[in-house]
C-alpha cells in the first residue's frame, strides 16, 4: 500500500505506527472484541477465522508478510468480525483505527490503494462462494490447492509449484467447510494420480497444469 510514497509522505505513517512481536499460537484479537487497530504483517503468518455457536472453525484467510487486516468491518464503528491467530512467530505493525482513518482523509492516494486491496478481497470471496455453489468437494479441494499455490507458492518449474506454508488437513478442510477425512482422502487420490507430492521437507508440491486440466 505504501510502496509508492516518498520518505516525506511516509513520515506521518511512521509517527502513527507501532510494532509488536507475537508468538505462534497467540491471538491478536478475538471475534467480537472492540475494533481498535489496523494491522500490517511485517513478518510471520496470521490465520483469520470464525467460529459458530458449536465452536466449529471456518478459516476466512491465511495472511502473510505485506498483508493488511482486518478488511471486513473496516471504516465501521464495529467489533472485530473474526479471530486473528498467529500461526508463525510474527512482527506486526499496527495503527489505531481512528488515527489511520484521519490519515486517509488527508491522503486520498492511499485511500485509492486501500480500495483496490478491499476490491481484490471482495473478488476473492465471490470466487470462493462460486466454487462452493458450482463445484463438488473434490473440485473445491483442487481449487483450494491452486489458490494456496498462487498465494503461498513458489514455482519450481513451468508446471510445478511448492506451497511454502504447511497446512494441516484440518486447516484445509476448515477453509472450504469440509471434513478432515474428506481432504485426506482426496489428497491421497491426487497423489496416486501423481498430481501432487510431498517433498523431503514435508512441503506440498503440486502439478498446477495437471490440476487445472482435471477441472476442465
N, C-alpha and C. Protein backbone atom coordinates (compact mmCIF):
# COMPACT_ATOMS: atom_id res chain seq x y z
N UNK A 1 0.81 -1.21 0.00
CA UNK A 1 0.00 0.00 0.00
C UNK A 1 0.84 1.26 0.00
N UNK A 2 2.02 1.20 0.64
CA UNK A 2 2.81 2.41 0.83
C UNK A 2 4.04 2.48 -0.09
N UNK A 3 4.18 1.53 -0.99
CA UNK A 3 5.43 1.41 -1.74
C UNK A 3 5.71 2.61 -2.64
N UNK A 4 4.69 3.32 -3.09
CA UNK A 4 4.90 4.46 -3.99
C UNK A 4 5.02 5.80 -3.25
N UNK A 5 4.96 5.76 -1.94
CA UNK A 5 5.06 7.02 -1.18
C UNK A 5 6.52 7.44 -1.03
N UNK A 6 6.73 8.75 -1.00
CA UNK A 6 8.07 9.28 -0.75
C UNK A 6 8.38 9.18 0.75
N UNK A 7 9.64 9.37 1.11
CA UNK A 7 10.02 9.36 2.53
C UNK A 7 9.25 10.43 3.30
N UNK A 8 9.05 11.57 2.66
CA UNK A 8 8.32 12.66 3.31
C UNK A 8 6.87 12.24 3.58
N UNK A 9 6.25 11.57 2.59
CA UNK A 9 4.86 11.13 2.75
C UNK A 9 4.73 10.01 3.78
N UNK A 10 5.82 9.26 3.98
CA UNK A 10 5.79 8.15 4.93
C UNK A 10 5.93 8.61 6.37
N UNK A 11 6.46 9.79 6.58
CA UNK A 11 6.73 10.27 7.94
C UNK A 11 5.52 10.22 8.87
N UNK A 12 4.33 10.73 8.45
CA UNK A 12 3.18 10.67 9.36
C UNK A 12 2.74 9.25 9.68
N UNK A 13 2.95 8.33 8.75
CA UNK A 13 2.59 6.93 9.00
C UNK A 13 3.52 6.34 10.04
N UNK A 14 4.81 6.62 9.88
CA UNK A 14 5.80 6.11 10.85
C UNK A 14 5.52 6.66 12.24
N UNK A 15 5.11 7.91 12.30
CA UNK A 15 4.80 8.53 13.59
C UNK A 15 3.59 7.89 14.25
N UNK A 16 2.64 7.41 13.43
CA UNK A 16 1.43 6.79 13.96
C UNK A 16 1.65 5.33 14.35
N UNK A 17 2.58 4.68 13.67
CA UNK A 17 2.70 3.22 13.76
C UNK A 17 3.52 2.76 14.95
N UNK A 18 3.13 1.60 15.45
CA UNK A 18 3.89 0.90 16.48
C UNK A 18 4.09 -0.53 16.01
N UNK A 19 5.01 -1.24 16.62
CA UNK A 19 5.20 -2.64 16.23
C UNK A 19 5.28 -3.52 17.47
N UNK A 20 4.96 -4.78 17.26
CA UNK A 20 4.95 -5.73 18.38
C UNK A 20 5.24 -7.12 17.85
N UNK A 21 5.93 -7.91 18.66
CA UNK A 21 6.22 -9.30 18.32
C UNK A 21 5.15 -10.19 18.93
N UNK A 22 4.62 -11.11 18.12
CA UNK A 22 3.62 -12.07 18.58
C UNK A 22 4.16 -13.48 18.36
N UNK A 23 4.03 -14.32 19.38
CA UNK A 23 4.49 -15.70 19.27
C UNK A 23 3.41 -16.58 18.65
N UNK A 24 3.86 -17.63 18.00
CA UNK A 24 2.93 -18.57 17.37
C UNK A 24 1.94 -19.12 18.39
N UNK A 25 0.66 -19.16 18.01
CA UNK A 25 -0.37 -19.68 18.90
C UNK A 25 -1.10 -18.62 19.69
N UNK A 26 -0.59 -17.38 19.67
CA UNK A 26 -1.27 -16.32 20.41
C UNK A 26 -2.30 -15.63 19.51
N UNK A 27 -3.31 -15.03 20.14
CA UNK A 27 -4.34 -14.31 19.41
C UNK A 27 -4.05 -12.80 19.45
N UNK A 28 -4.22 -12.16 18.31
CA UNK A 28 -4.06 -10.71 18.22
C UNK A 28 -5.34 -10.05 18.71
N UNK A 29 -6.46 -10.59 18.29
CA UNK A 29 -7.77 -10.17 18.78
C UNK A 29 -8.75 -11.31 18.58
N UNK A 30 -9.88 -11.21 19.27
CA UNK A 30 -10.92 -12.23 19.19
C UNK A 30 -12.17 -11.65 18.53
N UNK A 31 -12.92 -12.52 17.90
CA UNK A 31 -14.18 -12.11 17.29
C UNK A 31 -15.07 -11.46 18.34
N UNK A 32 -15.55 -10.24 18.05
CA UNK A 32 -16.41 -9.53 18.98
C UNK A 32 -15.69 -8.51 19.84
N UNK A 33 -14.34 -8.55 19.85
CA UNK A 33 -13.59 -7.52 20.56
C UNK A 33 -13.80 -6.16 19.88
N UNK A 34 -13.73 -5.06 20.63
CA UNK A 34 -13.86 -3.73 20.00
C UNK A 34 -12.79 -3.52 18.94
N UNK A 35 -13.19 -2.99 17.80
CA UNK A 35 -12.28 -2.73 16.68
C UNK A 35 -11.43 -1.51 17.01
N UNK A 36 -10.13 -1.72 17.20
CA UNK A 36 -9.27 -0.63 17.65
C UNK A 36 -8.10 -0.33 16.72
N UNK A 37 -7.52 -1.36 16.10
CA UNK A 37 -6.31 -1.17 15.30
C UNK A 37 -6.43 -1.77 13.91
N UNK A 38 -5.65 -1.24 12.98
CA UNK A 38 -5.43 -1.89 11.69
C UNK A 38 -3.99 -2.42 11.72
N UNK A 39 -3.79 -3.64 11.23
CA UNK A 39 -2.50 -4.32 11.34
C UNK A 39 -1.88 -4.57 9.97
N UNK A 40 -0.55 -4.52 9.94
CA UNK A 40 0.21 -4.85 8.74
C UNK A 40 1.24 -5.90 9.14
N UNK A 41 1.34 -6.98 8.37
CA UNK A 41 2.26 -8.06 8.72
C UNK A 41 3.64 -7.77 8.13
N UNK A 42 4.61 -7.60 9.00
CA UNK A 42 6.00 -7.41 8.56
C UNK A 42 6.69 -8.77 8.44
N UNK A 43 6.36 -9.68 9.34
CA UNK A 43 6.98 -11.00 9.35
C UNK A 43 6.00 -11.97 9.98
N UNK A 44 6.00 -13.24 9.49
CA UNK A 44 5.16 -14.26 10.09
C UNK A 44 3.86 -14.51 9.33
N UNK A 45 3.02 -15.37 9.90
CA UNK A 45 1.75 -15.76 9.30
C UNK A 45 0.63 -15.57 10.31
N UNK A 46 -0.55 -15.17 9.80
CA UNK A 46 -1.71 -14.94 10.66
C UNK A 46 -2.92 -15.63 10.05
N UNK A 47 -3.64 -16.35 10.88
CA UNK A 47 -4.87 -17.03 10.44
C UNK A 47 -6.08 -16.22 10.90
N UNK A 48 -6.96 -15.90 9.95
CA UNK A 48 -8.22 -15.23 10.27
C UNK A 48 -9.32 -16.26 10.19
N UNK A 49 -10.07 -16.44 11.27
CA UNK A 49 -11.11 -17.47 11.27
C UNK A 49 -12.30 -17.07 12.13
N UNK A 50 -13.41 -17.73 11.85
CA UNK A 50 -14.62 -17.51 12.63
C UNK A 50 -15.02 -18.83 13.28
N UNK A 51 -15.83 -18.73 14.33
CA UNK A 51 -16.38 -19.93 14.96
C UNK A 51 -17.88 -19.77 15.11
N UNK A 52 -18.61 -20.91 14.96
CA UNK A 52 -20.06 -20.85 15.15
C UNK A 52 -20.39 -21.16 16.61
N UNK A 53 -21.68 -21.26 16.92
CA UNK A 53 -22.10 -21.47 18.31
C UNK A 53 -21.65 -22.82 18.86
N UNK A 54 -21.29 -23.74 17.95
CA UNK A 54 -20.83 -25.06 18.39
C UNK A 54 -19.31 -25.14 18.46
N UNK A 55 -18.65 -24.02 18.15
CA UNK A 55 -17.19 -24.00 18.22
C UNK A 55 -16.50 -24.46 16.96
N UNK A 56 -17.27 -24.76 15.90
CA UNK A 56 -16.68 -25.21 14.64
C UNK A 56 -15.96 -24.04 13.97
N UNK A 57 -14.76 -24.31 13.50
CA UNK A 57 -13.91 -23.27 12.93
C UNK A 57 -14.07 -23.17 11.42
N UNK A 58 -14.14 -21.96 10.92
CA UNK A 58 -14.15 -21.69 9.48
C UNK A 58 -13.04 -20.70 9.19
N UNK A 59 -12.00 -21.14 8.46
CA UNK A 59 -10.89 -20.25 8.15
C UNK A 59 -11.30 -19.31 7.03
N UNK A 60 -11.17 -18.01 7.30
CA UNK A 60 -11.52 -16.99 6.32
C UNK A 60 -10.33 -16.67 5.43
N UNK A 61 -9.14 -16.61 6.03
CA UNK A 61 -7.96 -16.26 5.25
C UNK A 61 -6.70 -16.64 6.01
N UNK A 62 -5.65 -16.90 5.24
CA UNK A 62 -4.31 -17.09 5.79
C UNK A 62 -3.45 -15.95 5.25
N UNK A 63 -2.97 -15.09 6.15
CA UNK A 63 -2.28 -13.87 5.73
C UNK A 63 -0.77 -13.99 5.94
N UNK A 64 -0.01 -13.29 5.10
CA UNK A 64 1.44 -13.38 5.12
C UNK A 64 2.05 -11.98 5.04
N UNK A 65 3.40 -11.87 5.11
CA UNK A 65 4.03 -10.56 5.10
C UNK A 65 3.55 -9.68 3.94
N UNK A 66 3.25 -8.42 4.27
CA UNK A 66 2.74 -7.48 3.28
C UNK A 66 1.24 -7.31 3.34
N UNK A 67 0.53 -8.25 3.98
CA UNK A 67 -0.93 -8.17 4.06
C UNK A 67 -1.37 -7.24 5.18
N UNK A 68 -2.55 -6.67 4.98
CA UNK A 68 -3.18 -5.80 5.98
C UNK A 68 -4.46 -6.46 6.47
N UNK A 69 -4.83 -6.24 7.71
CA UNK A 69 -6.09 -6.74 8.24
C UNK A 69 -6.49 -5.89 9.44
N UNK A 70 -7.77 -5.84 9.85
CA UNK A 70 -8.89 -6.56 9.23
C UNK A 70 -9.37 -5.83 7.97
N UNK A 71 -10.05 -6.57 7.11
CA UNK A 71 -10.66 -5.98 5.93
C UNK A 71 -12.15 -5.78 6.18
N UNK A 72 -12.81 -6.85 6.58
CA UNK A 72 -14.24 -6.76 6.86
C UNK A 72 -14.46 -5.90 8.11
N UNK A 73 -15.39 -4.97 8.04
CA UNK A 73 -15.69 -4.13 9.19
C UNK A 73 -14.85 -2.88 9.27
N UNK A 74 -13.91 -2.73 8.34
CA UNK A 74 -13.06 -1.54 8.35
C UNK A 74 -13.91 -0.31 8.03
N UNK A 75 -13.56 0.83 8.61
CA UNK A 75 -14.30 2.08 8.46
C UNK A 75 -15.68 2.01 9.11
N UNK A 76 -15.90 1.09 10.01
CA UNK A 76 -17.18 0.99 10.70
C UNK A 76 -16.94 1.04 12.20
N UNK A 77 -17.89 1.66 12.90
CA UNK A 77 -17.84 1.63 14.36
C UNK A 77 -18.38 0.27 14.78
N UNK A 78 -17.51 -0.70 14.86
CA UNK A 78 -17.97 -2.08 14.99
C UNK A 78 -16.95 -2.86 15.81
N UNK A 79 -17.20 -4.18 15.90
CA UNK A 79 -16.27 -5.07 16.57
C UNK A 79 -15.46 -5.84 15.53
N UNK A 80 -14.38 -6.47 15.98
CA UNK A 80 -13.62 -7.33 15.06
C UNK A 80 -14.53 -8.46 14.58
N UNK A 81 -14.60 -8.68 13.26
CA UNK A 81 -15.55 -9.66 12.71
C UNK A 81 -15.08 -11.10 12.79
N UNK A 82 -13.83 -11.34 13.23
CA UNK A 82 -13.30 -12.70 13.27
C UNK A 82 -12.14 -12.75 14.25
N UNK A 83 -11.66 -13.97 14.51
CA UNK A 83 -10.48 -14.16 15.34
C UNK A 83 -9.23 -14.01 14.46
N UNK A 84 -8.14 -13.51 15.05
CA UNK A 84 -6.85 -13.44 14.36
C UNK A 84 -5.81 -14.16 15.22
N UNK A 85 -5.29 -15.27 14.72
CA UNK A 85 -4.32 -16.08 15.46
C UNK A 85 -3.00 -16.15 14.71
N UNK A 86 -1.90 -15.97 15.42
CA UNK A 86 -0.57 -16.08 14.82
C UNK A 86 -0.22 -17.55 14.68
N UNK A 87 0.12 -17.97 13.46
CA UNK A 87 0.47 -19.38 13.23
C UNK A 87 1.97 -19.56 12.99
N UNK A 88 2.68 -18.46 12.87
CA UNK A 88 4.15 -18.47 12.79
C UNK A 88 4.62 -17.17 13.41
N UNK A 89 5.61 -17.24 14.30
CA UNK A 89 6.08 -16.04 15.00
C UNK A 89 6.04 -14.82 14.08
N UNK A 90 5.42 -13.74 14.57
CA UNK A 90 5.16 -12.60 13.71
C UNK A 90 5.62 -11.28 14.31
N UNK A 91 5.98 -10.36 13.43
CA UNK A 91 6.19 -8.96 13.79
C UNK A 91 5.11 -8.17 13.07
N UNK A 92 4.26 -7.52 13.84
CA UNK A 92 3.15 -6.77 13.27
C UNK A 92 3.32 -5.28 13.52
N UNK A 93 3.00 -4.50 12.51
CA UNK A 93 2.93 -3.05 12.64
C UNK A 93 1.46 -2.68 12.77
N UNK A 94 1.11 -1.85 13.73
CA UNK A 94 -0.29 -1.51 13.89
C UNK A 94 -0.48 -0.02 14.12
N UNK A 95 -1.65 0.45 13.66
CA UNK A 95 -2.02 1.86 13.77
C UNK A 95 -3.44 1.92 14.32
N UNK A 96 -3.73 2.75 15.31
CA UNK A 96 -5.11 2.89 15.79
C UNK A 96 -6.04 3.27 14.65
N UNK A 97 -7.22 2.63 14.61
CA UNK A 97 -8.17 2.84 13.52
C UNK A 97 -8.48 4.31 13.31
N UNK A 98 -8.79 5.04 14.39
CA UNK A 98 -9.20 6.44 14.23
C UNK A 98 -8.06 7.28 13.67
N UNK A 99 -6.83 6.98 14.06
CA UNK A 99 -5.67 7.71 13.54
C UNK A 99 -5.46 7.39 12.06
N UNK A 100 -5.64 6.12 11.71
CA UNK A 100 -5.45 5.72 10.32
C UNK A 100 -6.53 6.34 9.42
N UNK A 101 -7.76 6.37 9.91
CA UNK A 101 -8.84 6.99 9.14
C UNK A 101 -8.57 8.47 8.92
N UNK A 102 -8.11 9.17 9.95
CA UNK A 102 -7.78 10.59 9.80
C UNK A 102 -6.64 10.79 8.80
N UNK A 103 -5.68 9.88 8.83
CA UNK A 103 -4.58 9.94 7.86
C UNK A 103 -5.09 9.76 6.43
N UNK A 104 -6.02 8.81 6.23
CA UNK A 104 -6.54 8.55 4.88
C UNK A 104 -7.32 9.74 4.33
N UNK A 105 -8.00 10.45 5.22
CA UNK A 105 -8.77 11.63 4.78
C UNK A 105 -7.86 12.66 4.13
N UNK A 106 -6.64 12.77 4.64
CA UNK A 106 -5.71 13.77 4.10
C UNK A 106 -4.76 13.18 3.04
N UNK A 107 -4.88 11.87 2.77
CA UNK A 107 -4.03 11.23 1.76
C UNK A 107 -4.90 10.36 0.84
N UNK A 108 -5.63 10.99 -0.07
CA UNK A 108 -6.56 10.24 -0.93
C UNK A 108 -5.88 9.19 -1.79
N UNK A 109 -4.59 9.39 -2.13
CA UNK A 109 -3.91 8.39 -2.96
C UNK A 109 -3.79 7.05 -2.24
N UNK A 110 -3.66 7.09 -0.90
CA UNK A 110 -3.63 5.86 -0.12
C UNK A 110 -5.02 5.25 -0.05
N UNK A 111 -6.05 6.10 0.01
CA UNK A 111 -7.43 5.62 0.00
C UNK A 111 -7.69 4.78 -1.24
N UNK A 112 -7.21 5.26 -2.38
CA UNK A 112 -7.43 4.53 -3.64
C UNK A 112 -6.75 3.16 -3.58
N UNK A 113 -5.53 3.12 -3.04
CA UNK A 113 -4.84 1.84 -2.91
C UNK A 113 -5.59 0.90 -1.97
N UNK A 114 -6.10 1.45 -0.89
CA UNK A 114 -6.85 0.64 0.07
C UNK A 114 -8.10 0.06 -0.59
N UNK A 115 -8.80 0.87 -1.36
CA UNK A 115 -10.00 0.38 -2.05
C UNK A 115 -9.66 -0.73 -3.03
N UNK A 116 -8.49 -0.64 -3.66
CA UNK A 116 -8.08 -1.71 -4.56
C UNK A 116 -7.85 -3.01 -3.80
N UNK A 117 -7.21 -2.88 -2.63
CA UNK A 117 -6.97 -4.06 -1.79
C UNK A 117 -8.31 -4.68 -1.38
N UNK A 118 -9.23 -3.85 -0.91
CA UNK A 118 -10.53 -4.33 -0.48
C UNK A 118 -11.28 -4.93 -1.66
N UNK A 119 -11.15 -4.32 -2.85
CA UNK A 119 -11.80 -4.86 -4.04
C UNK A 119 -11.30 -6.24 -4.38
N UNK A 120 -9.99 -6.45 -4.26
CA UNK A 120 -9.40 -7.77 -4.52
C UNK A 120 -9.95 -8.80 -3.54
N UNK A 121 -10.12 -8.39 -2.28
CA UNK A 121 -10.65 -9.31 -1.27
C UNK A 121 -12.10 -9.69 -1.58
N UNK A 122 -12.88 -8.71 -2.04
CA UNK A 122 -14.28 -8.98 -2.39
C UNK A 122 -14.35 -9.98 -3.54
N UNK A 123 -13.51 -9.77 -4.56
CA UNK A 123 -13.49 -10.68 -5.71
C UNK A 123 -13.10 -12.09 -5.26
N UNK A 124 -12.11 -12.17 -4.36
CA UNK A 124 -11.67 -13.47 -3.85
C UNK A 124 -12.81 -14.18 -3.12
N UNK A 125 -13.54 -13.45 -2.28
CA UNK A 125 -14.66 -14.05 -1.55
C UNK A 125 -15.78 -14.47 -2.49
N UNK A 126 -16.02 -13.67 -3.54
CA UNK A 126 -17.03 -14.03 -4.53
C UNK A 126 -16.63 -15.31 -5.26
N UNK A 127 -15.36 -15.43 -5.59
CA UNK A 127 -14.89 -16.64 -6.27
C UNK A 127 -15.05 -17.86 -5.38
N UNK A 128 -14.76 -17.70 -4.10
CA UNK A 128 -14.90 -18.83 -3.17
C UNK A 128 -16.35 -19.26 -3.05
N UNK A 129 -17.26 -18.28 -3.00
CA UNK A 129 -18.69 -18.60 -2.93
C UNK A 129 -19.12 -19.33 -4.19
N UNK A 130 -18.63 -18.88 -5.34
CA UNK A 130 -18.95 -19.53 -6.60
C UNK A 130 -18.44 -20.96 -6.62
N UNK A 131 -17.22 -21.16 -6.10
CA UNK A 131 -16.67 -22.52 -6.02
C UNK A 131 -17.57 -23.42 -5.19
N UNK A 132 -18.07 -22.88 -4.09
CA UNK A 132 -18.92 -23.65 -3.19
C UNK A 132 -20.22 -24.07 -3.88
N UNK A 133 -20.76 -23.17 -4.69
CA UNK A 133 -22.06 -23.41 -5.33
C UNK A 133 -21.93 -24.33 -6.55
N UNK A 134 -20.89 -24.10 -7.35
CA UNK A 134 -20.81 -24.74 -8.66
C UNK A 134 -19.96 -26.01 -8.70
N UNK A 135 -19.17 -26.27 -7.66
CA UNK A 135 -18.24 -27.40 -7.71
C UNK A 135 -18.47 -28.38 -6.56
N UNK A 136 -18.24 -29.66 -6.84
CA UNK A 136 -18.33 -30.67 -5.78
C UNK A 136 -17.08 -30.58 -4.90
N UNK A 137 -17.06 -31.37 -3.83
CA UNK A 137 -15.98 -31.26 -2.84
C UNK A 137 -14.62 -31.58 -3.45
N UNK A 138 -14.56 -32.60 -4.31
CA UNK A 138 -13.30 -32.96 -4.97
C UNK A 138 -12.74 -31.77 -5.74
N UNK A 139 -13.60 -31.10 -6.49
CA UNK A 139 -13.19 -29.94 -7.28
C UNK A 139 -12.83 -28.75 -6.38
N UNK A 140 -13.57 -28.59 -5.28
CA UNK A 140 -13.28 -27.49 -4.35
C UNK A 140 -11.88 -27.64 -3.75
N UNK A 141 -11.48 -28.89 -3.47
CA UNK A 141 -10.16 -29.13 -2.89
C UNK A 141 -9.07 -28.82 -3.92
N UNK A 142 -9.32 -29.18 -5.18
CA UNK A 142 -8.37 -28.84 -6.24
C UNK A 142 -8.24 -27.32 -6.38
N UNK A 143 -9.38 -26.63 -6.37
CA UNK A 143 -9.36 -25.17 -6.47
C UNK A 143 -8.64 -24.54 -5.28
N UNK A 144 -8.81 -25.15 -4.10
CA UNK A 144 -8.11 -24.66 -2.90
C UNK A 144 -6.60 -24.82 -3.07
N UNK A 145 -6.16 -25.97 -3.56
CA UNK A 145 -4.74 -26.20 -3.76
C UNK A 145 -4.15 -25.19 -4.75
N UNK A 146 -4.90 -24.90 -5.81
CA UNK A 146 -4.44 -23.92 -6.80
C UNK A 146 -4.37 -22.52 -6.18
N UNK A 147 -5.33 -22.21 -5.32
CA UNK A 147 -5.33 -20.90 -4.65
C UNK A 147 -4.16 -20.79 -3.68
N UNK A 148 -3.90 -21.85 -2.93
CA UNK A 148 -2.76 -21.85 -1.99
C UNK A 148 -1.45 -21.75 -2.75
N UNK A 149 -1.38 -22.40 -3.91
CA UNK A 149 -0.17 -22.33 -4.74
C UNK A 149 0.06 -20.90 -5.22
N UNK A 150 -1.03 -20.22 -5.56
CA UNK A 150 -0.92 -18.84 -6.04
C UNK A 150 -0.51 -17.89 -4.93
N UNK A 151 -1.10 -18.07 -3.75
CA UNK A 151 -0.88 -17.12 -2.65
C UNK A 151 0.32 -17.46 -1.77
N UNK A 152 0.66 -18.74 -1.69
CA UNK A 152 1.73 -19.16 -0.77
C UNK A 152 2.78 -20.01 -1.48
N UNK A 153 2.74 -20.02 -2.82
CA UNK A 153 3.60 -20.94 -3.55
C UNK A 153 4.86 -20.34 -4.13
N UNK A 154 5.74 -21.25 -4.53
CA UNK A 154 7.00 -20.90 -5.20
C UNK A 154 7.17 -21.83 -6.39
N UNK A 155 7.22 -21.26 -7.58
CA UNK A 155 7.34 -22.07 -8.79
C UNK A 155 8.72 -22.73 -8.84
N UNK A 156 8.73 -24.04 -9.08
CA UNK A 156 10.00 -24.75 -9.21
C UNK A 156 10.21 -25.25 -10.64
N UNK A 157 9.16 -25.14 -11.46
CA UNK A 157 9.26 -25.46 -12.89
C UNK A 157 8.07 -24.82 -13.59
N UNK A 158 7.96 -25.03 -14.88
CA UNK A 158 6.84 -24.45 -15.63
C UNK A 158 5.50 -25.03 -15.18
N UNK A 159 5.52 -26.23 -14.65
CA UNK A 159 4.27 -26.91 -14.29
C UNK A 159 4.11 -27.17 -12.80
N UNK A 160 5.17 -27.06 -12.02
CA UNK A 160 5.11 -27.43 -10.61
C UNK A 160 5.38 -26.24 -9.69
N UNK A 161 4.60 -26.22 -8.60
CA UNK A 161 4.73 -25.17 -7.58
C UNK A 161 4.77 -25.82 -6.20
N UNK A 162 5.68 -25.33 -5.36
CA UNK A 162 5.76 -25.79 -3.97
C UNK A 162 5.03 -24.80 -3.09
N UNK A 163 4.11 -25.31 -2.25
CA UNK A 163 3.41 -24.45 -1.29
C UNK A 163 4.31 -24.32 -0.07
N UNK A 164 4.88 -23.11 0.13
CA UNK A 164 5.90 -22.91 1.16
C UNK A 164 5.36 -22.92 2.58
N UNK A 165 4.06 -22.76 2.74
CA UNK A 165 3.45 -22.81 4.07
C UNK A 165 2.80 -24.17 4.27
N UNK A 166 3.08 -24.80 5.40
CA UNK A 166 2.47 -26.10 5.68
C UNK A 166 1.08 -25.91 6.26
N UNK A 167 0.11 -26.55 5.65
CA UNK A 167 -1.27 -26.53 6.15
C UNK A 167 -1.68 -27.96 6.49
N UNK A 168 -2.28 -28.12 7.65
CA UNK A 168 -2.78 -29.44 8.02
C UNK A 168 -4.04 -29.75 7.23
N UNK A 169 -4.40 -31.03 7.18
CA UNK A 169 -5.65 -31.41 6.50
C UNK A 169 -6.85 -30.76 7.18
N UNK A 170 -6.78 -30.61 8.49
CA UNK A 170 -7.86 -29.95 9.23
C UNK A 170 -7.99 -28.49 8.80
N UNK A 171 -6.86 -27.80 8.68
CA UNK A 171 -6.90 -26.40 8.26
C UNK A 171 -7.45 -26.25 6.85
N UNK A 172 -7.04 -27.13 5.95
CA UNK A 172 -7.56 -27.06 4.58
C UNK A 172 -9.05 -27.35 4.55
N UNK A 173 -9.48 -28.30 5.37
CA UNK A 173 -10.91 -28.61 5.45
C UNK A 173 -11.69 -27.40 5.96
N UNK A 174 -11.14 -26.73 6.96
CA UNK A 174 -11.81 -25.55 7.53
C UNK A 174 -11.87 -24.38 6.55
N UNK A 175 -11.00 -24.38 5.56
CA UNK A 175 -11.01 -23.31 4.57
C UNK A 175 -12.19 -23.43 3.61
N UNK A 176 -12.68 -24.66 3.41
CA UNK A 176 -13.76 -24.86 2.44
C UNK A 176 -15.02 -25.45 3.09
N UNK A 177 -15.02 -25.56 4.41
CA UNK A 177 -16.19 -26.09 5.09
C UNK A 177 -16.41 -27.56 4.87
N UNK A 178 -15.31 -28.32 4.77
CA UNK A 178 -15.40 -29.77 4.57
C UNK A 178 -14.88 -30.48 5.83
N UNK A 179 -14.61 -31.78 5.71
CA UNK A 179 -14.09 -32.54 6.85
C UNK A 179 -12.64 -32.93 6.60
N UNK A 180 -11.92 -33.16 7.67
CA UNK A 180 -10.51 -33.56 7.56
C UNK A 180 -10.39 -34.88 6.79
N UNK A 181 -11.32 -35.79 7.04
CA UNK A 181 -11.27 -37.09 6.39
C UNK A 181 -11.43 -36.97 4.87
N UNK A 182 -12.34 -36.08 4.45
CA UNK A 182 -12.57 -35.88 3.02
C UNK A 182 -11.33 -35.31 2.34
N UNK A 183 -10.70 -34.32 2.99
CA UNK A 183 -9.49 -33.72 2.44
C UNK A 183 -8.38 -34.76 2.36
N UNK A 184 -8.20 -35.55 3.42
CA UNK A 184 -7.17 -36.58 3.45
C UNK A 184 -7.38 -37.60 2.33
N UNK A 185 -8.63 -38.02 2.16
CA UNK A 185 -8.95 -39.00 1.12
C UNK A 185 -8.68 -38.44 -0.28
N UNK A 186 -9.04 -37.18 -0.48
CA UNK A 186 -8.84 -36.54 -1.78
C UNK A 186 -7.36 -36.34 -2.07
N UNK A 187 -6.59 -35.93 -1.09
CA UNK A 187 -5.15 -35.75 -1.29
C UNK A 187 -4.49 -37.08 -1.64
N UNK A 188 -4.95 -38.16 -1.03
CA UNK A 188 -4.41 -39.49 -1.36
C UNK A 188 -4.71 -39.83 -2.81
N UNK A 189 -5.93 -39.52 -3.27
CA UNK A 189 -6.30 -39.75 -4.67
C UNK A 189 -5.39 -38.96 -5.60
N UNK A 190 -5.17 -37.71 -5.27
CA UNK A 190 -4.36 -36.84 -6.13
C UNK A 190 -2.90 -37.29 -6.15
N UNK A 191 -2.41 -37.84 -5.04
CA UNK A 191 -1.04 -38.36 -5.01
C UNK A 191 -0.92 -39.60 -5.88
N UNK A 192 -1.95 -40.46 -5.86
CA UNK A 192 -1.93 -41.66 -6.70
C UNK A 192 -1.92 -41.30 -8.18
N UNK A 193 -2.55 -40.19 -8.51
CA UNK A 193 -2.57 -39.72 -9.90
C UNK A 193 -1.31 -38.93 -10.25
N UNK A 194 -0.42 -38.76 -9.25
CA UNK A 194 0.83 -38.02 -9.41
C UNK A 194 0.58 -36.54 -9.71
N UNK A 195 -0.55 -36.01 -9.22
CA UNK A 195 -0.85 -34.60 -9.37
C UNK A 195 -0.19 -33.77 -8.27
N UNK A 196 0.02 -34.38 -7.11
CA UNK A 196 0.69 -33.72 -6.00
C UNK A 196 1.66 -34.69 -5.35
N UNK A 197 2.63 -34.16 -4.63
CA UNK A 197 3.55 -34.98 -3.87
C UNK A 197 4.13 -34.16 -2.72
N UNK A 198 4.67 -34.85 -1.74
CA UNK A 198 5.30 -34.18 -0.60
C UNK A 198 6.80 -34.26 -0.75
N UNK A 199 7.49 -33.09 -0.66
CA UNK A 199 8.94 -33.12 -0.82
C UNK A 199 9.63 -33.54 0.47
N UNK A 200 10.95 -33.52 0.47
CA UNK A 200 11.71 -34.02 1.61
C UNK A 200 11.50 -33.20 2.87
N UNK A 201 11.12 -31.94 2.72
CA UNK A 201 10.90 -31.08 3.88
C UNK A 201 9.46 -31.13 4.39
N UNK A 202 8.62 -31.92 3.72
CA UNK A 202 7.22 -32.03 4.14
C UNK A 202 6.30 -31.04 3.46
N UNK A 203 6.84 -30.24 2.54
CA UNK A 203 6.01 -29.26 1.83
C UNK A 203 5.31 -29.93 0.64
N UNK A 204 4.16 -29.40 0.32
CA UNK A 204 3.34 -29.95 -0.75
C UNK A 204 3.77 -29.35 -2.08
N UNK A 205 4.09 -30.21 -3.03
CA UNK A 205 4.42 -29.78 -4.38
C UNK A 205 3.29 -30.22 -5.30
N UNK A 206 2.74 -29.29 -6.06
CA UNK A 206 1.60 -29.63 -6.90
C UNK A 206 1.89 -29.35 -8.36
N UNK A 207 1.31 -30.19 -9.20
CA UNK A 207 1.38 -30.01 -10.65
C UNK A 207 0.19 -29.14 -11.04
N UNK A 208 0.41 -27.83 -11.12
CA UNK A 208 -0.69 -26.91 -11.37
C UNK A 208 -1.36 -27.16 -12.72
N UNK A 209 -0.56 -27.52 -13.70
CA UNK A 209 -1.11 -27.78 -15.04
C UNK A 209 -2.05 -28.97 -15.01
N UNK A 210 -1.64 -30.05 -14.33
CA UNK A 210 -2.46 -31.26 -14.26
C UNK A 210 -3.76 -30.99 -13.47
N UNK A 211 -3.66 -30.22 -12.38
CA UNK A 211 -4.84 -29.94 -11.59
C UNK A 211 -5.84 -29.07 -12.37
N UNK A 212 -5.33 -28.11 -13.12
CA UNK A 212 -6.21 -27.28 -13.95
C UNK A 212 -6.89 -28.12 -15.02
N UNK A 213 -6.14 -29.06 -15.63
CA UNK A 213 -6.72 -29.95 -16.63
C UNK A 213 -7.78 -30.86 -16.01
N UNK A 214 -7.56 -31.26 -14.75
CA UNK A 214 -8.51 -32.13 -14.05
C UNK A 214 -9.86 -31.43 -13.88
N UNK A 215 -9.84 -30.10 -13.75
CA UNK A 215 -11.07 -29.35 -13.58
C UNK A 215 -11.80 -29.16 -14.90
N UNK A 216 -11.05 -29.01 -15.97
CA UNK A 216 -11.65 -28.67 -17.25
C UNK A 216 -11.44 -29.74 -18.30
